[in-house]
């Protein structure tokens, strides 16, 4: 299965749902929320890539470093 925007969105939403909501004026708390939200988004993107990326190996040995194209 190739990468899919709606599947990636769902994974990001699932990770974002685990971040506690924040409403306030404390700068440190706002920065902590921002970092947690960014980490959740990145986790969703990584999860989608790991689970659904189709990779074509273009060079290198299969048991070491190699290069490829992700679809």
N, C-alpha and C. Protein backbone atom coordinates (compact mmCIF):
# COMPACT_ATOMS: atom_id res chain seq x y z
N UNK A 1 0.85 -1.18 0.00
CA UNK A 1 0.00 0.00 0.00
C UNK A 1 0.89 1.24 0.00
N UNK A 2 0.59 2.20 -0.84
CA UNK A 2 1.35 3.45 -0.89
C UNK A 2 0.91 4.38 0.23
N UNK A 3 1.71 5.43 0.43
CA UNK A 3 1.34 6.43 1.43
C UNK A 3 0.00 7.04 1.07
N UNK A 4 -0.77 7.37 2.10
CA UNK A 4 -2.14 7.83 1.89
C UNK A 4 -2.41 9.00 2.83
N UNK A 5 -2.84 10.13 2.26
CA UNK A 5 -3.04 11.34 3.07
C UNK A 5 -4.11 11.15 4.14
N UNK A 6 -5.20 10.50 3.81
CA UNK A 6 -6.26 10.35 4.81
C UNK A 6 -5.84 9.39 5.92
N UNK A 7 -5.08 8.37 5.58
CA UNK A 7 -4.57 7.46 6.59
C UNK A 7 -3.57 8.18 7.49
N UNK A 8 -2.71 9.02 6.89
CA UNK A 8 -1.75 9.78 7.68
C UNK A 8 -2.49 10.75 8.60
N UNK A 9 -3.54 11.39 8.08
CA UNK A 9 -4.35 12.30 8.90
C UNK A 9 -4.92 11.56 10.11
N UNK A 10 -5.45 10.37 9.88
CA UNK A 10 -6.04 9.60 10.98
C UNK A 10 -5.00 9.23 12.03
N UNK A 11 -3.80 8.89 11.58
CA UNK A 11 -2.74 8.54 12.53
C UNK A 11 -2.32 9.77 13.33
N UNK A 12 -2.22 10.93 12.66
CA UNK A 12 -1.86 12.17 13.36
C UNK A 12 -2.95 12.51 14.37
N UNK A 13 -4.22 12.40 13.97
CA UNK A 13 -5.32 12.70 14.89
C UNK A 13 -5.28 11.78 16.11
N UNK A 14 -4.96 10.51 15.90
CA UNK A 14 -4.89 9.57 17.02
C UNK A 14 -3.79 9.98 18.00
N UNK A 15 -2.65 10.39 17.48
CA UNK A 15 -1.57 10.83 18.36
C UNK A 15 -1.91 12.17 19.02
N UNK A 16 -2.55 13.08 18.27
CA UNK A 16 -2.91 14.39 18.83
C UNK A 16 -3.94 14.24 19.95
N UNK A 17 -4.81 13.24 19.85
CA UNK A 17 -5.83 13.02 20.87
C UNK A 17 -5.21 12.68 22.23
N UNK A 18 -3.96 12.23 22.22
CA UNK A 18 -3.28 11.88 23.46
C UNK A 18 -2.61 13.09 24.12
N UNK A 19 -2.60 14.24 23.42
CA UNK A 19 -2.00 15.45 23.97
C UNK A 19 -3.08 16.21 24.75
N UNK A 20 -2.78 16.52 26.00
CA UNK A 20 -3.72 17.28 26.82
C UNK A 20 -3.93 18.67 26.23
N UNK A 21 -5.16 19.10 26.18
CA UNK A 21 -5.48 20.44 25.68
C UNK A 21 -4.87 21.49 26.59
N UNK A 22 -4.58 22.65 26.03
CA UNK A 22 -4.00 23.74 26.82
C UNK A 22 -4.72 25.04 26.51
N UNK A 23 -5.08 25.75 27.54
CA UNK A 23 -5.65 27.08 27.39
C UNK A 23 -5.14 27.90 28.56
N UNK A 24 -4.37 28.91 28.29
CA UNK A 24 -3.84 29.73 29.36
C UNK A 24 -2.84 30.73 28.82
N UNK A 25 -2.16 31.42 29.73
CA UNK A 25 -1.24 32.46 29.31
C UNK A 25 0.20 32.21 29.77
N UNK A 26 0.45 31.07 30.40
CA UNK A 26 1.80 30.76 30.85
C UNK A 26 2.65 30.32 29.65
N UNK A 27 3.71 31.07 29.38
CA UNK A 27 4.53 30.82 28.21
C UNK A 27 5.18 29.44 28.23
N UNK A 28 5.68 29.02 29.38
CA UNK A 28 6.33 27.71 29.48
C UNK A 28 5.33 26.59 29.18
N UNK A 29 4.12 26.70 29.69
CA UNK A 29 3.10 25.70 29.42
C UNK A 29 2.70 25.69 27.94
N UNK A 30 2.63 26.88 27.34
CA UNK A 30 2.30 26.97 25.92
C UNK A 30 3.38 26.32 25.07
N UNK A 31 4.64 26.54 25.42
CA UNK A 31 5.74 25.93 24.68
C UNK A 31 5.74 24.41 24.86
N UNK A 32 5.42 23.95 26.05
CA UNK A 32 5.34 22.52 26.31
C UNK A 32 4.22 21.89 25.47
N UNK A 33 3.08 22.57 25.39
CA UNK A 33 1.97 22.09 24.56
C UNK A 33 2.38 22.06 23.09
N UNK A 34 3.02 23.13 22.63
CA UNK A 34 3.47 23.18 21.24
C UNK A 34 4.38 22.00 20.91
N UNK A 35 5.35 21.74 21.78
CA UNK A 35 6.28 20.64 21.55
C UNK A 35 5.57 19.29 21.55
N UNK A 36 4.62 19.11 22.46
CA UNK A 36 3.86 17.85 22.51
C UNK A 36 3.02 17.67 21.25
N UNK A 37 2.42 18.76 20.77
CA UNK A 37 1.61 18.69 19.56
C UNK A 37 2.47 18.37 18.34
N UNK A 38 3.63 19.01 18.23
CA UNK A 38 4.53 18.72 17.11
C UNK A 38 5.02 17.28 17.14
N UNK A 39 5.35 16.81 18.33
CA UNK A 39 5.81 15.43 18.47
C UNK A 39 4.70 14.45 18.07
N UNK A 40 3.47 14.75 18.44
CA UNK A 40 2.34 13.89 18.06
C UNK A 40 2.16 13.87 16.55
N UNK A 41 2.27 15.03 15.90
CA UNK A 41 2.13 15.07 14.45
C UNK A 41 3.24 14.27 13.77
N UNK A 42 4.46 14.45 14.25
CA UNK A 42 5.59 13.71 13.68
C UNK A 42 5.42 12.21 13.87
N UNK A 43 4.94 11.82 15.04
CA UNK A 43 4.72 10.39 15.30
C UNK A 43 3.70 9.81 14.33
N UNK A 44 2.64 10.56 14.04
CA UNK A 44 1.64 10.09 13.08
C UNK A 44 2.21 9.95 11.68
N UNK A 45 3.04 10.90 11.27
CA UNK A 45 3.67 10.85 9.95
C UNK A 45 4.61 9.66 9.87
N UNK A 46 5.44 9.49 10.88
CA UNK A 46 6.38 8.37 10.90
C UNK A 46 5.63 7.04 10.88
N UNK A 47 4.58 6.94 11.67
CA UNK A 47 3.79 5.70 11.71
C UNK A 47 3.23 5.36 10.33
N UNK A 48 2.71 6.36 9.62
CA UNK A 48 2.17 6.12 8.28
C UNK A 48 3.27 5.65 7.33
N UNK A 49 4.43 6.28 7.40
CA UNK A 49 5.53 5.89 6.52
C UNK A 49 5.99 4.47 6.82
N UNK A 50 6.18 4.16 8.09
CA UNK A 50 6.65 2.82 8.48
C UNK A 50 5.64 1.75 8.06
N UNK A 51 4.36 2.02 8.25
CA UNK A 51 3.34 1.01 7.95
C UNK A 51 2.99 0.88 6.47
N UNK A 52 3.09 1.99 5.70
CA UNK A 52 2.52 1.94 4.36
C UNK A 52 3.42 2.38 3.21
N UNK A 53 4.63 2.81 3.49
CA UNK A 53 5.50 3.25 2.40
C UNK A 53 5.95 2.06 1.56
N UNK A 54 5.92 2.25 0.27
CA UNK A 54 6.46 1.26 -0.65
C UNK A 54 7.84 1.76 -1.03
N UNK A 55 8.87 0.95 -0.77
CA UNK A 55 10.24 1.37 -1.01
C UNK A 55 10.85 0.49 -2.09
N UNK A 56 11.40 1.15 -3.09
CA UNK A 56 12.11 0.46 -4.16
C UNK A 56 13.59 0.66 -3.91
N UNK A 57 14.33 -0.42 -3.63
CA UNK A 57 15.77 -0.30 -3.39
C UNK A 57 16.45 -0.06 -4.73
N UNK A 58 17.29 0.98 -4.76
CA UNK A 58 17.99 1.32 -6.00
C UNK A 58 19.47 0.97 -5.95
N UNK A 59 20.05 0.83 -4.75
CA UNK A 59 21.45 0.42 -4.64
C UNK A 59 21.74 0.01 -3.21
N UNK A 60 22.82 -0.77 -3.05
CA UNK A 60 23.24 -1.18 -1.72
C UNK A 60 22.83 -2.61 -1.40
N UNK A 61 23.48 -3.16 -0.40
CA UNK A 61 23.21 -4.52 0.03
C UNK A 61 21.97 -4.56 0.90
N UNK A 62 21.17 -5.62 0.84
CA UNK A 62 19.94 -5.69 1.63
C UNK A 62 20.18 -5.77 3.14
N UNK A 63 21.40 -6.15 3.56
CA UNK A 63 21.66 -6.28 4.99
C UNK A 63 22.49 -5.12 5.55
N UNK A 64 22.60 -4.03 4.80
CA UNK A 64 23.34 -2.86 5.29
C UNK A 64 22.72 -1.59 4.72
N UNK A 65 23.48 -0.52 4.72
CA UNK A 65 22.98 0.75 4.20
C UNK A 65 22.60 0.59 2.73
N UNK A 66 21.48 1.16 2.38
CA UNK A 66 21.08 1.14 0.98
C UNK A 66 20.27 2.39 0.66
N UNK A 67 20.07 2.64 -0.61
CA UNK A 67 19.30 3.80 -1.06
C UNK A 67 18.07 3.32 -1.80
N UNK A 68 17.05 4.13 -1.80
CA UNK A 68 15.84 3.74 -2.50
C UNK A 68 14.89 4.89 -2.71
N UNK A 69 13.77 4.59 -3.34
CA UNK A 69 12.72 5.57 -3.59
C UNK A 69 11.50 5.17 -2.77
N UNK A 70 10.86 6.15 -2.14
CA UNK A 70 9.65 5.89 -1.36
C UNK A 70 8.46 6.38 -2.17
N UNK A 71 7.43 5.54 -2.26
CA UNK A 71 6.22 5.90 -3.01
C UNK A 71 5.05 6.02 -2.07
